[in-house]
Protein backbone atom coordinates (compact mmCIF):
# COMPACT_ATOMS: atom_id res chain seq x y z
CA MET A 1 152.67 145.74 58.68
CA HIS A 2 151.61 146.10 62.47
CA ALA A 3 149.60 149.22 64.21
CA GLY A 4 152.73 150.41 65.96
CA HIS A 5 154.57 151.17 62.44
CA HIS A 6 152.29 153.60 61.26
CA ARG A 7 152.63 155.97 64.22
CA ALA A 8 156.62 155.52 63.61
CA SER A 9 156.27 156.49 60.13
CA GLU A 10 154.05 159.60 61.12
CA ARG A 11 156.43 160.86 63.51
CA ALA A 12 159.50 160.13 61.50
CA LEU A 13 157.71 161.87 58.20
CA ARG A 14 157.28 164.88 60.76
CA ILE A 15 160.92 165.08 61.53
CA ALA A 16 162.30 164.64 58.46
CA GLU A 17 159.71 167.63 57.01
CA ASP A 18 161.14 169.40 60.36
CA ARG A 19 165.01 168.61 59.22
CA LEU A 20 163.57 169.96 55.46
CA ALA A 21 162.47 173.00 56.79
CA VAL A 22 165.53 173.58 58.61
CA ILE A 23 167.74 173.18 55.68
CA ASP A 24 165.25 175.43 53.63
CA GLU A 25 165.82 178.23 56.24
CA ARG A 26 169.58 177.55 55.63
CA ILE A 27 169.78 177.74 51.98
CA ALA A 28 167.42 180.88 51.78
CA ALA A 29 170.15 182.65 54.27
CA GLN A 30 173.06 181.84 52.35
CA THR A 31 171.23 182.63 49.29
CA ALA A 32 170.77 186.01 50.63
CA ALA A 33 174.16 186.39 51.78
CA ARG A 34 175.45 185.07 48.20
CA ASP A 35 173.38 187.40 46.65
CA ARG A 36 174.52 190.54 48.51
CA LEU A 37 178.25 189.34 48.14
CA ALA A 38 177.58 188.86 44.06
CA ALA A 39 175.70 192.37 44.22
CA ALA A 40 178.69 193.92 45.74
CA LEU A 41 181.58 192.55 43.73
CA ARG A 42 179.38 193.37 40.35
CA SER A 43 179.20 196.97 41.89
CA ALA A 44 182.94 197.21 42.58
CA ALA A 45 183.80 195.49 39.35
CA ASP A 46 181.81 198.54 37.29
CA ARG A 47 183.39 201.45 39.40
CA PRO A 48 186.76 201.24 37.34
CA HIS A 49 184.84 201.16 34.07
CA SER A 50 182.53 203.91 34.94
CA PRO A 51 182.69 207.09 32.52
């Protein structure tokens, strides 16, 4: 393996880690939105059955 390949690999790894962080942020935001929606649906479903 020549010397330049190691630096390129480190750069590629940083790019991949950045992309993973962006995906993680999107998943967290979507999960929060999903949880809010699920809670709203549970709340709405519970209303007609309340005493």
